Amino acid sequence: MSRSIYEGFATLYGQRVSISPLGKADLVAFTRYRAEPAIARYQGWQDYQLSDAEALFAGQCALPFPHPDSWYQLAIHDAGGELLGDLALHWLTAQEAEVGFTLAPASQGQGYASEALKLLLAWLFGQGCLSVKAAVDTRNVPSYRLLERCGFTRTSCHKDAAFFKGEWYSEYHYRLERHHWQGAGDKTSHKT
């Protein structure tokens, strides 16, 4: 029988960050950065409230892990346990996933997202995933540069992909295949 993400995902440890399922204790900080207009600009939410975070958390607790076509929210913490941001993990199939990421403003530009994403990629490929996808608004330069630093290849550009938050936006699609993954040398540990 499948287990909840809160039972089935072992914490991943890097040099400066750890990744674990989003916890109840994270919700206030999670809400705080998601409520920032600059953070929400390229995301599917706006005017984020604590009630939104609580509903997301409750939904996550009920999900089996892993389960195709389900999204999971993973917290990125520093060594002191402070929430720096989060990773979104979307299981498409047993062998393909999609990822996303959001960092609090104070945590941006310091390499935390790169380290966290590399930890998650190493774990995914170690679990038998063959490819990982990502999509990003073409105006979100830091996000697509992060994907490229982590080895993703741009596969397409969808011009005027959708009308979103009052304007048309275009989207880059990225992909990373397991056989092209270069992150095997990253220091990753797992704690059960």
N, C-alpha and C. Protein backbone atom coordinates (compact mmCIF):
# COMPACT_ATOMS: atom_id res chain seq x y z
N MET A 1 0.83 -1.18 0.00
CA MET A 1 0.00 0.00 0.00
C MET A 1 0.88 1.25 0.00
N SER A 2 0.48 2.27 -0.75
CA SER A 2 1.23 3.52 -0.79
C SER A 2 1.14 4.24 0.54
N ARG A 3 2.17 5.01 0.85
CA ARG A 3 2.19 5.76 2.10
C ARG A 3 2.07 7.24 1.80
N SER A 4 1.68 8.00 2.78
CA SER A 4 1.65 9.45 2.66
C SER A 4 3.07 9.95 2.41
N ILE A 5 3.18 11.08 1.74
CA ILE A 5 4.49 11.70 1.52
C ILE A 5 5.22 11.91 2.84
N TYR A 6 4.48 12.12 3.90
CA TYR A 6 5.10 12.39 5.18
C TYR A 6 5.69 11.14 5.82
N GLU A 7 5.42 9.99 5.24
CA GLU A 7 6.03 8.73 5.68
C GLU A 7 6.99 8.19 4.63
N GLY A 8 6.82 8.59 3.37
CA GLY A 8 7.55 7.94 2.30
C GLY A 8 8.71 8.70 1.69
N PHE A 9 8.98 9.90 2.16
CA PHE A 9 10.07 10.67 1.59
C PHE A 9 11.11 10.94 2.67
N ALA A 10 12.27 10.33 2.54
CA ALA A 10 13.34 10.54 3.50
C ALA A 10 13.97 11.91 3.28
N THR A 11 14.31 12.59 4.35
CA THR A 11 14.95 13.90 4.24
C THR A 11 16.25 13.77 3.47
N LEU A 12 16.48 14.69 2.55
CA LEU A 12 17.72 14.75 1.76
C LEU A 12 18.58 15.86 2.34
N TYR A 13 19.86 15.58 2.54
CA TYR A 13 20.78 16.55 3.13
C TYR A 13 21.88 16.92 2.15
N GLY A 14 22.10 18.22 1.98
CA GLY A 14 23.20 18.73 1.19
C GLY A 14 24.20 19.40 2.12
N GLN A 15 25.08 20.20 1.54
CA GLN A 15 26.08 20.89 2.36
C GLN A 15 25.48 22.01 3.18
N ARG A 16 24.49 22.73 2.62
CA ARG A 16 23.89 23.86 3.33
C ARG A 16 22.39 23.77 3.50
N VAL A 17 21.75 22.87 2.77
CA VAL A 17 20.29 22.77 2.82
C VAL A 17 19.83 21.33 3.03
N SER A 18 18.59 21.20 3.44
CA SER A 18 17.94 19.89 3.48
C SER A 18 16.58 20.04 2.82
N ILE A 19 16.07 18.93 2.32
CA ILE A 19 14.77 18.90 1.68
C ILE A 19 13.93 17.85 2.40
N SER A 20 12.74 18.25 2.78
CA SER A 20 11.82 17.34 3.45
C SER A 20 10.40 17.75 3.07
N PRO A 21 9.41 16.89 3.34
CA PRO A 21 8.04 17.29 3.07
C PRO A 21 7.69 18.58 3.82
N LEU A 22 6.92 19.42 3.19
CA LEU A 22 6.45 20.64 3.84
C LEU A 22 5.73 20.24 5.13
N GLY A 23 6.11 20.89 6.23
CA GLY A 23 5.52 20.56 7.52
C GLY A 23 4.60 21.65 8.03
N LYS A 24 3.81 21.31 9.00
CA LYS A 24 2.88 22.26 9.60
C LYS A 24 3.62 23.47 10.17
N ALA A 25 4.80 23.24 10.73
CA ALA A 25 5.60 24.33 11.31
C ALA A 25 6.13 25.30 10.25
N ASP A 26 6.11 24.90 8.98
CA ASP A 26 6.60 25.74 7.89
C ASP A 26 5.55 26.71 7.36
N LEU A 27 4.29 26.51 7.71
CA LEU A 27 3.20 27.19 7.01
C LEU A 27 3.20 28.71 7.13
N VAL A 28 3.58 29.25 8.28
CA VAL A 28 3.59 30.71 8.43
C VAL A 28 4.65 31.32 7.52
N ALA A 29 5.87 30.78 7.54
CA ALA A 29 6.95 31.31 6.68
C ALA A 29 6.62 31.07 5.20
N PHE A 30 6.05 29.93 4.89
CA PHE A 30 5.63 29.57 3.53
C PHE A 30 4.62 30.60 3.02
N THR A 31 3.64 30.93 3.84
CA THR A 31 2.63 31.93 3.48
C THR A 31 3.27 33.30 3.29
N ARG A 32 4.19 33.65 4.17
CA ARG A 32 4.82 34.98 4.12
C ARG A 32 5.49 35.23 2.77
N TYR A 33 6.31 34.29 2.28
CA TYR A 33 6.97 34.58 1.00
C TYR A 33 6.04 34.39 -0.19
N ARG A 34 5.09 33.48 -0.10
CA ARG A 34 4.14 33.33 -1.21
C ARG A 34 3.22 34.54 -1.35
N ALA A 35 3.03 35.29 -0.28
CA ALA A 35 2.18 36.48 -0.32
C ALA A 35 2.88 37.68 -0.96
N GLU A 36 4.18 37.60 -1.15
CA GLU A 36 4.95 38.69 -1.76
C GLU A 36 4.59 38.79 -3.25
N PRO A 37 4.15 39.97 -3.72
CA PRO A 37 3.78 40.12 -5.14
C PRO A 37 4.90 39.73 -6.11
N ALA A 38 6.15 40.05 -5.77
CA ALA A 38 7.25 39.71 -6.67
C ALA A 38 7.44 38.19 -6.78
N ILE A 39 7.17 37.46 -5.71
CA ILE A 39 7.28 36.00 -5.72
C ILE A 39 6.11 35.39 -6.49
N ALA A 40 4.93 35.95 -6.31
CA ALA A 40 3.72 35.40 -6.94
C ALA A 40 3.62 35.75 -8.43
N ARG A 41 4.43 36.67 -8.91
CA ARG A 41 4.29 37.17 -10.29
C ARG A 41 4.21 36.06 -11.34
N TYR A 42 5.08 35.07 -11.24
CA TYR A 42 5.13 34.02 -12.25
C TYR A 42 4.48 32.72 -11.77
N GLN A 43 3.78 32.77 -10.66
CA GLN A 43 3.20 31.57 -10.07
C GLN A 43 1.68 31.57 -10.26
N GLY A 44 1.07 30.45 -10.00
CA GLY A 44 -0.36 30.29 -10.20
C GLY A 44 -1.22 30.78 -9.05
N TRP A 45 -0.67 31.53 -8.14
CA TRP A 45 -1.44 32.06 -7.01
C TRP A 45 -1.24 33.56 -6.91
N GLN A 46 -2.12 34.20 -6.16
CA GLN A 46 -1.96 35.60 -5.79
C GLN A 46 -2.72 35.81 -4.48
N ASP A 47 -2.35 36.84 -3.74
CA ASP A 47 -2.98 37.12 -2.44
C ASP A 47 -2.99 35.87 -1.56
N TYR A 48 -1.86 35.21 -1.46
CA TYR A 48 -1.76 33.95 -0.72
C TYR A 48 -1.98 34.19 0.76
N GLN A 49 -2.81 33.36 1.38
CA GLN A 49 -3.18 33.47 2.79
C GLN A 49 -2.79 32.20 3.54
N LEU A 50 -2.73 32.30 4.87
CA LEU A 50 -2.44 31.13 5.69
C LEU A 50 -3.47 30.02 5.45
N SER A 51 -4.70 30.38 5.22
CA SER A 51 -5.73 29.36 4.94
C SER A 51 -5.41 28.59 3.66
N ASP A 52 -4.79 29.25 2.67
CA ASP A 52 -4.35 28.55 1.44
C ASP A 52 -3.26 27.53 1.77
N ALA A 53 -2.31 27.94 2.60
CA ALA A 53 -1.22 27.04 2.99
C ALA A 53 -1.76 25.86 3.79
N GLU A 54 -2.69 26.12 4.69
CA GLU A 54 -3.27 25.04 5.49
C GLU A 54 -4.03 24.05 4.62
N ALA A 55 -4.76 24.54 3.63
CA ALA A 55 -5.49 23.66 2.72
C ALA A 55 -4.51 22.82 1.88
N LEU A 56 -3.43 23.44 1.40
CA LEU A 56 -2.41 22.71 0.65
C LEU A 56 -1.81 21.61 1.51
N PHE A 57 -1.46 21.96 2.75
CA PHE A 57 -0.86 21.00 3.67
C PHE A 57 -1.80 19.82 3.93
N ALA A 58 -3.06 20.11 4.18
CA ALA A 58 -4.04 19.05 4.44
C ALA A 58 -4.15 18.12 3.23
N GLY A 59 -4.16 18.68 2.05
CA GLY A 59 -4.21 17.87 0.84
C GLY A 59 -2.97 17.00 0.67
N GLN A 60 -1.82 17.55 1.03
CA GLN A 60 -0.57 16.79 0.92
C GLN A 60 -0.56 15.60 1.87
N CYS A 61 -1.09 15.79 3.07
CA CYS A 61 -1.11 14.71 4.06
C CYS A 61 -1.91 13.50 3.58
N ALA A 62 -2.90 13.74 2.74
CA ALA A 62 -3.77 12.67 2.28
C ALA A 62 -3.25 11.95 1.04
N LEU A 63 -2.22 12.50 0.38
CA LEU A 63 -1.74 11.90 -0.86
C LEU A 63 -0.85 10.69 -0.62
N PRO A 64 -1.05 9.62 -1.37
CA PRO A 64 -0.08 8.52 -1.33
C PRO A 64 1.19 8.99 -2.03
N PHE A 65 2.31 8.38 -1.67
CA PHE A 65 3.58 8.80 -2.27
C PHE A 65 4.36 7.59 -2.71
N PRO A 66 4.90 7.59 -3.92
CA PRO A 66 4.60 8.51 -5.01
C PRO A 66 3.34 8.06 -5.74
N HIS A 67 2.70 8.98 -6.39
CA HIS A 67 1.48 8.67 -7.13
C HIS A 67 1.48 9.47 -8.42
N PRO A 68 1.35 8.82 -9.59
CA PRO A 68 1.36 9.55 -10.86
C PRO A 68 0.32 10.67 -10.89
N ASP A 69 0.69 11.74 -11.54
CA ASP A 69 -0.12 12.93 -11.74
C ASP A 69 -0.51 13.62 -10.43
N SER A 70 0.38 13.57 -9.44
CA SER A 70 0.18 14.27 -8.18
C SER A 70 1.34 15.22 -7.93
N TRP A 71 1.02 16.37 -7.35
CA TRP A 71 2.03 17.36 -6.97
C TRP A 71 2.33 17.24 -5.49
N TYR A 72 3.61 17.36 -5.13
CA TYR A 72 4.06 17.31 -3.74
C TYR A 72 4.89 18.56 -3.45
N GLN A 73 4.72 19.12 -2.27
CA GLN A 73 5.47 20.31 -1.87
C GLN A 73 6.55 19.91 -0.90
N LEU A 74 7.80 20.23 -1.23
CA LEU A 74 8.94 19.87 -0.41
C LEU A 74 9.60 21.15 0.12
N ALA A 75 9.85 21.18 1.41
CA ALA A 75 10.45 22.35 2.05
C ALA A 75 11.96 22.33 1.90
N ILE A 76 12.54 23.50 1.67
CA ILE A 76 13.99 23.68 1.65
C ILE A 76 14.35 24.42 2.94
N HIS A 77 15.14 23.76 3.80
CA HIS A 77 15.56 24.37 5.06
C HIS A 77 17.06 24.58 5.07
N ASP A 78 17.52 25.59 5.82
CA ASP A 78 18.95 25.73 6.03
C ASP A 78 19.36 24.86 7.22
N ALA A 79 20.63 24.88 7.57
CA ALA A 79 21.14 24.02 8.64
C ALA A 79 20.47 24.31 9.98
N GLY A 80 19.99 25.52 10.17
CA GLY A 80 19.31 25.89 11.42
C GLY A 80 17.82 25.61 11.41
N GLY A 81 17.31 25.04 10.33
CA GLY A 81 15.90 24.70 10.25
C GLY A 81 15.00 25.81 9.71
N GLU A 82 15.59 26.93 9.28
CA GLU A 82 14.78 28.02 8.72
C GLU A 82 14.31 27.65 7.32
N LEU A 83 13.04 27.94 7.03
CA LEU A 83 12.49 27.67 5.70
C LEU A 83 13.02 28.70 4.72
N LEU A 84 13.72 28.23 3.69
CA LEU A 84 14.29 29.09 2.67
C LEU A 84 13.39 29.20 1.44
N GLY A 85 12.61 28.16 1.21
CA GLY A 85 11.76 28.09 0.03
C GLY A 85 11.19 26.69 -0.10
N ASP A 86 10.72 26.38 -1.30
CA ASP A 86 10.14 25.06 -1.52
C ASP A 86 10.36 24.59 -2.94
N LEU A 87 10.29 23.30 -3.09
CA LEU A 87 10.33 22.64 -4.39
C LEU A 87 8.98 21.99 -4.63
N ALA A 88 8.51 22.03 -5.84
CA ALA A 88 7.29 21.33 -6.22
C ALA A 88 7.70 20.13 -7.06
N LEU A 89 7.19 18.98 -6.71
CA LEU A 89 7.49 17.74 -7.42
C LEU A 89 6.19 17.17 -7.96
N HIS A 90 6.15 17.01 -9.27
CA HIS A 90 4.96 16.48 -9.95
C HIS A 90 5.34 15.15 -10.58
N TRP A 91 4.78 14.07 -10.06
CA TRP A 91 5.00 12.76 -10.68
C TRP A 91 4.10 12.67 -11.89
N LEU A 92 4.67 12.60 -13.07
CA LEU A 92 3.89 12.44 -14.30
C LEU A 92 3.59 10.97 -14.56
N THR A 93 4.64 10.16 -14.45
CA THR A 93 4.53 8.70 -14.55
C THR A 93 5.55 8.13 -13.58
N ALA A 94 5.68 6.83 -13.53
CA ALA A 94 6.68 6.22 -12.65
C ALA A 94 8.10 6.58 -13.05
N GLN A 95 8.29 7.01 -14.32
CA GLN A 95 9.64 7.29 -14.80
C GLN A 95 9.85 8.73 -15.28
N GLU A 96 8.88 9.59 -15.05
CA GLU A 96 9.02 10.98 -15.48
C GLU A 96 8.40 11.90 -14.45
N ALA A 97 9.11 12.99 -14.15
CA ALA A 97 8.64 13.96 -13.18
C ALA A 97 8.79 15.37 -13.72
N GLU A 98 8.12 16.29 -13.07
CA GLU A 98 8.23 17.72 -13.36
C GLU A 98 8.57 18.41 -12.05
N VAL A 99 9.40 19.45 -12.13
CA VAL A 99 9.78 20.17 -10.92
C VAL A 99 9.52 21.66 -11.07
N GLY A 100 9.38 22.31 -9.93
CA GLY A 100 9.28 23.75 -9.85
C GLY A 100 9.93 24.18 -8.55
N PHE A 101 10.12 25.47 -8.36
CA PHE A 101 10.81 25.95 -7.17
C PHE A 101 10.39 27.38 -6.88
N THR A 102 10.40 27.72 -5.60
CA THR A 102 10.10 29.06 -5.13
C THR A 102 10.98 29.33 -3.91
N LEU A 103 11.68 30.45 -3.92
CA LEU A 103 12.51 30.82 -2.78
C LEU A 103 12.04 32.13 -2.18
N ALA A 104 12.14 32.24 -0.86
CA ALA A 104 11.85 33.48 -0.18
C ALA A 104 12.84 34.55 -0.68
N PRO A 105 12.44 35.82 -0.75
CA PRO A 105 13.33 36.86 -1.27
C PRO A 105 14.71 36.90 -0.61
N ALA A 106 14.76 36.75 0.70
CA ALA A 106 16.05 36.82 1.41
C ALA A 106 16.96 35.63 1.10
N SER A 107 16.41 34.56 0.54
CA SER A 107 17.19 33.36 0.24
C SER A 107 17.66 33.30 -1.20
N GLN A 108 17.23 34.22 -2.03
CA GLN A 108 17.57 34.19 -3.45
C GLN A 108 18.99 34.67 -3.70
N GLY A 109 19.58 34.18 -4.78
CA GLY A 109 20.90 34.62 -5.21
C GLY A 109 22.06 34.09 -4.39
N GLN A 110 21.83 33.06 -3.59
CA GLN A 110 22.89 32.52 -2.73
C GLN A 110 23.21 31.06 -3.01
N GLY A 111 22.63 30.51 -4.07
CA GLY A 111 22.91 29.13 -4.46
C GLY A 111 22.07 28.08 -3.75
N TYR A 112 21.15 28.50 -2.89
CA TYR A 112 20.31 27.52 -2.19
C TYR A 112 19.41 26.74 -3.15
N ALA A 113 18.82 27.42 -4.11
CA ALA A 113 17.92 26.74 -5.05
C ALA A 113 18.70 25.73 -5.89
N SER A 114 19.89 26.09 -6.33
CA SER A 114 20.71 25.14 -7.10
C SER A 114 21.03 23.90 -6.30
N GLU A 115 21.45 24.10 -5.07
CA GLU A 115 21.79 22.95 -4.22
C GLU A 115 20.57 22.07 -3.98
N ALA A 116 19.44 22.71 -3.67
CA ALA A 116 18.22 21.94 -3.40
C ALA A 116 17.75 21.19 -4.63
N LEU A 117 17.74 21.85 -5.78
CA LEU A 117 17.29 21.20 -7.00
C LEU A 117 18.21 20.04 -7.37
N LYS A 118 19.50 20.20 -7.21
CA LYS A 118 20.43 19.11 -7.51
C LYS A 118 20.22 17.92 -6.57
N LEU A 119 19.92 18.20 -5.29
CA LEU A 119 19.62 17.12 -4.36
C LEU A 119 18.39 16.34 -4.82
N LEU A 120 17.35 17.07 -5.20
CA LEU A 120 16.13 16.42 -5.64
C LEU A 120 16.36 15.63 -6.93
N LEU A 121 17.10 16.20 -7.87
CA LEU A 121 17.38 15.50 -9.13
C LEU A 121 18.16 14.21 -8.87
N ALA A 122 19.16 14.26 -8.00
CA ALA A 122 19.93 13.05 -7.68
C ALA A 122 19.01 11.99 -7.10
N TRP A 123 18.11 12.40 -6.23
CA TRP A 123 17.18 11.46 -5.63
C TRP A 123 16.24 10.88 -6.70
N LEU A 124 15.67 11.73 -7.54
CA LEU A 124 14.74 11.27 -8.58
C LEU A 124 15.41 10.26 -9.50
N PHE A 125 16.61 10.58 -9.97
CA PHE A 125 17.30 9.67 -10.88
C PHE A 125 17.71 8.38 -10.16
N GLY A 126 18.02 8.49 -8.88
CA GLY A 126 18.32 7.30 -8.08
C GLY A 126 17.10 6.41 -7.85
N GLN A 127 15.91 6.98 -7.95
CA GLN A 127 14.66 6.23 -7.79
C GLN A 127 14.18 5.60 -9.10
N GLY A 128 14.94 5.79 -10.18
CA GLY A 128 14.57 5.19 -11.45
C GLY A 128 13.90 6.13 -12.43
N CYS A 129 13.80 7.39 -12.06
CA CYS A 129 13.22 8.37 -12.98
C CYS A 129 14.15 8.50 -14.19
N LEU A 130 13.58 8.55 -15.38
CA LEU A 130 14.39 8.65 -16.60
C LEU A 130 14.51 10.08 -17.11
N SER A 131 13.52 10.93 -16.81
CA SER A 131 13.61 12.32 -17.25
C SER A 131 12.81 13.21 -16.32
N VAL A 132 13.26 14.47 -16.26
CA VAL A 132 12.61 15.48 -15.43
C VAL A 132 12.36 16.70 -16.30
N LYS A 133 11.15 17.24 -16.20
CA LYS A 133 10.75 18.39 -17.00
C LYS A 133 10.54 19.61 -16.11
N ALA A 134 10.53 20.77 -16.74
CA ALA A 134 10.20 22.01 -16.05
C ALA A 134 9.69 23.00 -17.09
N ALA A 135 8.83 23.91 -16.64
CA ALA A 135 8.33 24.99 -17.50
C ALA A 135 8.50 26.29 -16.74
N VAL A 136 8.86 27.35 -17.47
CA VAL A 136 9.12 28.64 -16.82
C VAL A 136 8.70 29.77 -17.74
N ASP A 137 8.15 30.81 -17.16
CA ASP A 137 7.81 32.03 -17.89
C ASP A 137 9.09 32.59 -18.50
N THR A 138 9.05 32.98 -19.76
CA THR A 138 10.25 33.46 -20.45
C THR A 138 10.82 34.73 -19.82
N ARG A 139 10.02 35.47 -19.06
CA ARG A 139 10.50 36.69 -18.41
C ARG A 139 11.21 36.39 -17.09
N ASN A 140 11.10 35.18 -16.62
CA ASN A 140 11.68 34.80 -15.33
C ASN A 140 13.11 34.30 -15.53
N VAL A 141 13.99 35.23 -15.82
CA VAL A 141 15.38 34.92 -16.17
C VAL A 141 16.10 34.13 -15.08
N PRO A 142 16.03 34.51 -13.79
CA PRO A 142 16.74 33.72 -12.78
C PRO A 142 16.30 32.26 -12.74
N SER A 143 15.02 32.00 -12.98
CA SER A 143 14.54 30.62 -12.93
C SER A 143 15.05 29.79 -14.09
N TYR A 144 15.01 30.33 -15.29
CA TYR A 144 15.49 29.49 -16.39
C TYR A 144 17.01 29.37 -16.37
N ARG A 145 17.70 30.36 -15.85
CA ARG A 145 19.17 30.21 -15.69
C ARG A 145 19.51 29.14 -14.67
N LEU A 146 18.71 29.05 -13.60
CA LEU A 146 18.90 28.00 -12.61
C LEU A 146 18.75 26.62 -13.26
N LEU A 147 17.71 26.45 -14.05
CA LEU A 147 17.51 25.17 -14.73
C LEU A 147 18.71 24.83 -15.62
N GLU A 148 19.20 25.81 -16.35
CA GLU A 148 20.34 25.57 -17.24
C GLU A 148 21.60 25.24 -16.44
N ARG A 149 21.81 25.90 -15.30
CA ARG A 149 22.97 25.58 -14.45
C ARG A 149 22.89 24.15 -13.92
N CYS A 150 21.69 23.66 -13.73
CA CYS A 150 21.49 22.31 -13.21
C CYS A 150 21.47 21.24 -14.31
N GLY A 151 21.73 21.64 -15.55
CA GLY A 151 21.87 20.68 -16.64
C GLY A 151 20.66 20.52 -17.54
N PHE A 152 19.59 21.24 -17.28
CA PHE A 152 18.40 21.14 -18.14
C PHE A 152 18.67 21.75 -19.50
N THR A 153 18.02 21.21 -20.52
CA THR A 153 18.09 21.71 -21.88
C THR A 153 16.74 22.28 -22.27
N ARG A 154 16.76 23.46 -22.88
CA ARG A 154 15.52 24.06 -23.35
C ARG A 154 15.05 23.28 -24.58
N THR A 155 13.82 22.80 -24.52
CA THR A 155 13.30 21.98 -25.61
C THR A 155 12.33 22.73 -26.50
N SER A 156 11.69 23.78 -25.98
CA SER A 156 10.74 24.53 -26.79
C SER A 156 10.38 25.85 -26.13
N CYS A 157 9.79 26.71 -26.94
CA CYS A 157 9.23 27.97 -26.46
C CYS A 157 7.79 28.04 -26.96
N HIS A 158 6.89 28.20 -26.03
CA HIS A 158 5.47 28.32 -26.37
C HIS A 158 5.10 29.80 -26.26
N LYS A 159 5.07 30.47 -27.41
CA LYS A 159 4.78 31.90 -27.46
C LYS A 159 3.31 32.14 -27.15
N ASP A 160 3.06 33.15 -26.32
CA ASP A 160 1.70 33.48 -25.90
C ASP A 160 0.96 32.21 -25.45
N ALA A 161 1.59 31.49 -24.52
CA ALA A 161 1.06 30.21 -24.05
C ALA A 161 -0.30 30.33 -23.37
N ALA A 162 -0.50 31.42 -22.65
CA ALA A 162 -1.78 31.60 -21.95
C ALA A 162 -1.93 33.06 -21.53
N PHE A 163 -3.16 33.42 -21.27
CA PHE A 163 -3.46 34.74 -20.71
C PHE A 163 -3.51 34.55 -19.20
N PHE A 164 -2.61 35.22 -18.49
CA PHE A 164 -2.37 34.92 -17.09
C PHE A 164 -2.18 36.22 -16.33
N LYS A 165 -2.97 36.44 -15.30
CA LYS A 165 -2.87 37.63 -14.46
C LYS A 165 -2.91 38.91 -15.28
N GLY A 166 -3.80 38.95 -16.26
CA GLY A 166 -4.03 40.15 -17.03
C GLY A 166 -3.12 40.37 -18.22
N GLU A 167 -2.27 39.41 -18.55
CA GLU A 167 -1.38 39.56 -19.71
C GLU A 167 -1.04 38.22 -20.33
N TRP A 168 -0.65 38.26 -21.60
CA TRP A 168 -0.18 37.06 -22.27
C TRP A 168 1.24 36.77 -21.82
N TYR A 169 1.54 35.51 -21.66
CA TYR A 169 2.92 35.16 -21.34
C TYR A 169 3.37 34.01 -22.23
N SER A 170 4.69 33.96 -22.41
CA SER A 170 5.30 32.86 -23.16
C SER A 170 6.05 31.98 -22.18
N GLU A 171 6.26 30.73 -22.56
CA GLU A 171 6.82 29.76 -21.64
C GLU A 171 7.91 28.94 -22.30
N TYR A 172 9.04 28.79 -21.60
CA TYR A 172 10.09 27.87 -22.03
C TYR A 172 9.83 26.52 -21.38
N HIS A 173 10.06 25.46 -22.14
CA HIS A 173 9.99 24.10 -21.59
C HIS A 173 11.40 23.54 -21.57
N TYR A 174 11.72 22.87 -20.47
CA TYR A 174 13.05 22.29 -20.26
C TYR A 174 12.91 20.81 -19.93
N ARG A 175 14.02 20.09 -20.16
CA ARG A 175 14.05 18.65 -19.89
C ARG A 175 15.48 18.26 -19.51
N LEU A 176 15.57 17.30 -18.60
CA LEU A 176 16.86 16.72 -18.23
C LEU A 176 16.69 15.21 -18.20
N GLU A 177 17.50 14.53 -19.00
CA GLU A 177 17.46 13.07 -19.07
C GLU A 177 18.46 12.49 -18.08
N ARG A 178 18.11 11.36 -17.50
CA ARG A 178 19.00 10.73 -16.52
C ARG A 178 20.39 10.48 -17.10
N HIS A 179 20.47 10.04 -18.35
CA HIS A 179 21.79 9.74 -18.92
C HIS A 179 22.63 11.00 -19.17
N HIS A 180 22.04 12.18 -19.07
CA HIS A 180 22.80 13.43 -19.18
C HIS A 180 23.08 14.07 -17.82
N TRP A 181 22.55 13.48 -16.78
CA TRP A 181 22.70 14.05 -15.44
C TRP A 181 24.16 14.05 -15.02
N GLN A 182 24.62 15.22 -14.60
CA GLN A 182 26.01 15.38 -14.18
C GLN A 182 26.12 15.62 -12.68
N GLY A 183 25.04 15.48 -11.96
CA GLY A 183 25.04 15.80 -10.54
C GLY A 183 25.45 14.66 -9.63
N ALA A 184 25.91 13.54 -10.21
CA ALA A 184 26.22 12.37 -9.40
C ALA A 184 27.30 12.64 -8.37
N GLY A 185 28.16 13.61 -8.62
CA GLY A 185 29.24 13.91 -7.68
C GLY A 185 28.81 14.80 -6.53
N ASP A 186 27.57 15.32 -6.56
CA ASP A 186 27.10 16.15 -5.46
C ASP A 186 27.00 15.32 -4.19
N LYS A 187 27.29 15.96 -3.07
CA LYS A 187 27.21 15.27 -1.78
C LYS A 187 25.77 15.27 -1.33
N THR A 188 25.19 14.09 -1.34
CA THR A 188 23.80 13.91 -0.96
C THR A 188 23.72 12.78 0.05
N SER A 189 22.96 12.98 1.10
CA SER A 189 22.74 11.89 2.03
C SER A 189 21.25 11.79 2.33
N HIS A 190 20.84 10.65 2.77
CA HIS A 190 19.43 10.39 3.04
C HIS A 190 19.31 9.92 4.48
N LYS A 191 18.32 10.44 5.20
CA LYS A 191 18.06 10.01 6.55
C LYS A 191 16.64 9.47 6.60
N THR A 192 16.49 8.27 7.10
CA THR A 192 15.14 7.70 7.19
C THR A 192 14.54 7.90 8.54
